[in-house]
Every structure is written in C-alpha cells, then in structure tokens.
Amino acid sequence: MVKTKAVTFNMPVELHWQLRVLVGPKKMSRFVCDAVKERISDQKKRLRDAYLAARQDSRREKAIDEWKITEGENWQ
C-alpha cells in the first residue's frame, strides 16, 4: 500500500468546478496526483536535458564545477 499524506492547497473556483464535474469528486485526488507526476516527470526530463547540454559546453562545465561546493549538506 502506498503511504499517503493529506494536503491542502488553493485553486481557482472555476478550475475546481471543472475538475469536480469532469473527473468526479471521488476521483479528484488520483487525477491531481497523476497530473503532478506527469508534470514532475517533464521537469526532470528538461533538467536532465539541460544538464547534458551543459556538460557539452566547457564554460558551463567550469561553472558547474565551481558551484559543486553548494551541493553539500553543510553549505550555508
């Protein structure tokens, strides 16, 4: 079983109405979760593509190396 967390967020009333009518009140959570997963997947792909493009550019590569120090947990 997947662990879940109840969340509260705001959305425009019109959007909520459309979601409720088109998806149904009992299926809204699943619909929103699927939409968020898809959007996150798209973001990850864009970030991956940008990272790969940066690895091909020596100037960007140098900047990435300079900023690696910020990846540590103790960086402030």
N, C-alpha and C. Protein backbone atom coordinates (compact mmCIF):
# COMPACT_ATOMS: atom_id res chain seq x y z
N MET A 1 0.84 -1.18 0.00
CA MET A 1 0.00 0.00 0.00
C MET A 1 0.89 1.25 0.00
N VAL A 2 0.50 2.21 -0.78
CA VAL A 2 1.26 3.46 -0.89
C VAL A 2 0.91 4.36 0.28
N LYS A 3 1.94 4.89 0.90
CA LYS A 3 1.74 5.82 2.00
C LYS A 3 1.25 7.15 1.43
N THR A 4 0.25 7.74 2.03
CA THR A 4 -0.29 9.00 1.51
C THR A 4 -0.25 10.08 2.58
N LYS A 5 -0.41 11.31 2.14
CA LYS A 5 -0.43 12.46 3.03
C LYS A 5 -1.55 13.37 2.55
N ALA A 6 -2.41 13.77 3.46
CA ALA A 6 -3.46 14.73 3.13
C ALA A 6 -2.82 16.10 2.98
N VAL A 7 -3.19 16.81 1.94
CA VAL A 7 -2.65 18.14 1.70
C VAL A 7 -3.79 19.12 1.44
N THR A 8 -3.51 20.37 1.69
CA THR A 8 -4.48 21.42 1.41
C THR A 8 -3.80 22.43 0.51
N PHE A 9 -4.44 22.80 -0.57
CA PHE A 9 -3.92 23.83 -1.45
C PHE A 9 -5.09 24.56 -2.07
N ASN A 10 -4.81 25.72 -2.62
CA ASN A 10 -5.85 26.54 -3.24
C ASN A 10 -5.80 26.41 -4.75
N MET A 11 -6.97 26.49 -5.36
CA MET A 11 -7.07 26.55 -6.81
C MET A 11 -8.25 27.44 -7.14
N PRO A 12 -8.24 28.01 -8.32
CA PRO A 12 -9.37 28.85 -8.71
C PRO A 12 -10.69 28.07 -8.66
N VAL A 13 -11.74 28.74 -8.22
CA VAL A 13 -13.05 28.10 -8.07
C VAL A 13 -13.49 27.46 -9.37
N GLU A 14 -13.30 28.14 -10.49
CA GLU A 14 -13.71 27.62 -11.80
C GLU A 14 -12.98 26.32 -12.13
N LEU A 15 -11.69 26.28 -11.83
CA LEU A 15 -10.91 25.06 -12.08
C LEU A 15 -11.39 23.91 -11.20
N HIS A 16 -11.68 24.21 -9.94
CA HIS A 16 -12.19 23.19 -9.02
C HIS A 16 -13.53 22.65 -9.53
N TRP A 17 -14.38 23.54 -9.99
CA TRP A 17 -15.68 23.12 -10.51
C TRP A 17 -15.51 22.20 -11.71
N GLN A 18 -14.62 22.59 -12.64
CA GLN A 18 -14.39 21.76 -13.82
C GLN A 18 -13.83 20.39 -13.43
N LEU A 19 -12.91 20.38 -12.50
CA LEU A 19 -12.33 19.12 -12.03
C LEU A 19 -13.41 18.23 -11.43
N ARG A 20 -14.23 18.81 -10.61
CA ARG A 20 -15.29 18.05 -9.94
C ARG A 20 -16.29 17.49 -10.94
N VAL A 21 -16.67 18.29 -11.94
CA VAL A 21 -17.66 17.86 -12.93
C VAL A 21 -17.07 16.82 -13.87
N LEU A 22 -15.85 17.08 -14.38
CA LEU A 22 -15.26 16.20 -15.38
C LEU A 22 -14.69 14.91 -14.80
N VAL A 23 -14.12 14.99 -13.62
CA VAL A 23 -13.44 13.83 -13.04
C VAL A 23 -14.31 13.14 -12.00
N GLY A 24 -15.06 13.92 -11.27
CA GLY A 24 -15.89 13.38 -10.19
C GLY A 24 -15.21 13.59 -8.86
N PRO A 25 -16.00 13.87 -7.83
CA PRO A 25 -15.42 14.20 -6.53
C PRO A 25 -14.60 13.07 -5.91
N LYS A 26 -14.91 11.84 -6.22
CA LYS A 26 -14.19 10.72 -5.61
C LYS A 26 -12.92 10.34 -6.36
N LYS A 27 -12.71 10.95 -7.52
CA LYS A 27 -11.52 10.62 -8.32
C LYS A 27 -10.57 11.81 -8.46
N MET A 28 -10.87 12.90 -7.78
CA MET A 28 -10.06 14.11 -7.92
C MET A 28 -8.64 13.92 -7.41
N SER A 29 -8.46 13.27 -6.28
CA SER A 29 -7.11 13.08 -5.73
C SER A 29 -6.23 12.31 -6.70
N ARG A 30 -6.75 11.23 -7.23
CA ARG A 30 -5.98 10.42 -8.18
C ARG A 30 -5.63 11.22 -9.43
N PHE A 31 -6.60 11.97 -9.93
CA PHE A 31 -6.38 12.78 -11.12
C PHE A 31 -5.28 13.82 -10.88
N VAL A 32 -5.36 14.51 -9.75
CA VAL A 32 -4.35 15.53 -9.42
C VAL A 32 -2.99 14.87 -9.24
N CYS A 33 -2.92 13.73 -8.56
CA CYS A 33 -1.64 13.02 -8.37
C CYS A 33 -1.04 12.64 -9.72
N ASP A 34 -1.86 12.11 -10.61
CA ASP A 34 -1.36 11.73 -11.94
C ASP A 34 -0.85 12.94 -12.71
N ALA A 35 -1.59 14.05 -12.62
CA ALA A 35 -1.17 15.28 -13.32
C ALA A 35 0.15 15.80 -12.76
N VAL A 36 0.29 15.76 -11.44
CA VAL A 36 1.53 16.24 -10.81
C VAL A 36 2.69 15.33 -11.18
N LYS A 37 2.47 14.02 -11.16
CA LYS A 37 3.53 13.08 -11.56
C LYS A 37 4.00 13.36 -12.98
N GLU A 38 3.05 13.58 -13.88
CA GLU A 38 3.40 13.85 -15.27
C GLU A 38 4.20 15.15 -15.38
N ARG A 39 3.77 16.17 -14.67
CA ARG A 39 4.46 17.46 -14.71
C ARG A 39 5.87 17.36 -14.12
N ILE A 40 6.01 16.60 -13.02
CA ILE A 40 7.33 16.41 -12.42
C ILE A 40 8.23 15.63 -13.37
N SER A 41 7.68 14.63 -14.03
CA SER A 41 8.46 13.85 -14.99
C SER A 41 8.97 14.74 -16.12
N ASP A 42 8.10 15.64 -16.60
CA ASP A 42 8.50 16.58 -17.65
C ASP A 42 9.62 17.50 -17.16
N GLN A 43 9.49 17.99 -15.93
CA GLN A 43 10.51 18.87 -15.35
C GLN A 43 11.85 18.14 -15.22
N LYS A 44 11.80 16.90 -14.75
CA LYS A 44 13.03 16.12 -14.60
C LYS A 44 13.71 15.92 -15.96
N LYS A 45 12.90 15.66 -16.99
CA LYS A 45 13.47 15.48 -18.32
C LYS A 45 14.13 16.76 -18.81
N ARG A 46 13.46 17.90 -18.62
CA ARG A 46 14.05 19.19 -19.03
C ARG A 46 15.34 19.47 -18.27
N LEU A 47 15.34 19.19 -16.97
CA LEU A 47 16.55 19.41 -16.18
C LEU A 47 17.68 18.49 -16.64
N ARG A 48 17.35 17.24 -16.91
CA ARG A 48 18.35 16.28 -17.39
C ARG A 48 18.93 16.75 -18.73
N ASP A 49 18.05 17.15 -19.63
CA ASP A 49 18.50 17.63 -20.94
C ASP A 49 19.39 18.87 -20.80
N ALA A 50 19.01 19.78 -19.91
CA ALA A 50 19.82 20.98 -19.69
C ALA A 50 21.18 20.62 -19.10
N TYR A 51 21.18 19.66 -18.18
CA TYR A 51 22.44 19.23 -17.58
C TYR A 51 23.34 18.60 -18.64
N LEU A 52 22.78 17.75 -19.49
CA LEU A 52 23.57 17.12 -20.54
C LEU A 52 24.11 18.15 -21.53
N ALA A 53 23.30 19.15 -21.83
CA ALA A 53 23.76 20.22 -22.72
C ALA A 53 24.90 21.00 -22.06
N ALA A 54 24.78 21.23 -20.76
CA ALA A 54 25.82 21.95 -20.03
C ALA A 54 27.12 21.17 -20.02
N ARG A 55 27.03 19.86 -19.95
CA ARG A 55 28.24 19.02 -19.95
C ARG A 55 29.00 19.12 -21.28
N GLN A 56 28.31 19.53 -22.33
CA GLN A 56 28.95 19.67 -23.64
C GLN A 56 29.62 21.03 -23.82
N ASP A 57 29.34 21.97 -22.93
CA ASP A 57 29.86 23.33 -23.03
C ASP A 57 30.93 23.52 -21.96
N SER A 58 32.16 23.71 -22.38
CA SER A 58 33.27 23.78 -21.42
C SER A 58 33.12 24.96 -20.46
N ARG A 59 32.55 26.07 -20.91
CA ARG A 59 32.35 27.21 -19.99
C ARG A 59 31.33 26.88 -18.93
N ARG A 60 30.26 26.21 -19.33
CA ARG A 60 29.23 25.80 -18.37
C ARG A 60 29.77 24.72 -17.45
N GLU A 61 30.59 23.84 -18.00
CA GLU A 61 31.22 22.77 -17.21
C GLU A 61 32.03 23.38 -16.07
N LYS A 62 32.78 24.42 -16.38
CA LYS A 62 33.60 25.10 -15.37
C LYS A 62 32.70 25.70 -14.29
N ALA A 63 31.61 26.34 -14.68
CA ALA A 63 30.69 26.94 -13.73
C ALA A 63 30.04 25.86 -12.85
N ILE A 64 29.69 24.74 -13.46
CA ILE A 64 29.10 23.63 -12.68
C ILE A 64 30.10 23.17 -11.63
N ASP A 65 31.35 22.99 -12.03
CA ASP A 65 32.37 22.55 -11.09
C ASP A 65 32.54 23.56 -9.95
N GLU A 66 32.50 24.85 -10.27
CA GLU A 66 32.66 25.87 -9.25
C GLU A 66 31.51 25.87 -8.25
N TRP A 67 30.34 25.49 -8.68
CA TRP A 67 29.17 25.51 -7.82
C TRP A 67 28.95 24.18 -7.07
N LYS A 68 29.74 23.17 -7.37
CA LYS A 68 29.54 21.87 -6.72
C LYS A 68 29.64 21.94 -5.20
N ILE A 69 30.39 22.90 -4.69
CA ILE A 69 30.51 23.04 -3.24
C ILE A 69 29.15 23.27 -2.57
N THR A 70 28.21 23.85 -3.31
CA THR A 70 26.90 24.15 -2.73
C THR A 70 26.02 22.89 -2.63
N GLU A 71 26.44 21.78 -3.17
CA GLU A 71 25.64 20.56 -3.13
C GLU A 71 25.73 19.84 -1.80
N GLY A 72 26.69 20.18 -0.96
CA GLY A 72 26.85 19.51 0.31
C GLY A 72 25.84 19.95 1.33
N GLU A 73 25.58 19.10 2.31
CA GLU A 73 24.60 19.41 3.34
C GLU A 73 25.06 20.53 4.26
N ASN A 74 26.35 20.71 4.43
CA ASN A 74 26.86 21.69 5.37
C ASN A 74 27.09 23.07 4.75
N TRP A 75 26.76 23.23 3.49
CA TRP A 75 26.96 24.52 2.84
C TRP A 75 25.92 25.51 3.36
N GLN A 76 26.39 26.74 3.65
CA GLN A 76 25.44 27.75 4.14
C GLN A 76 25.50 28.98 3.31
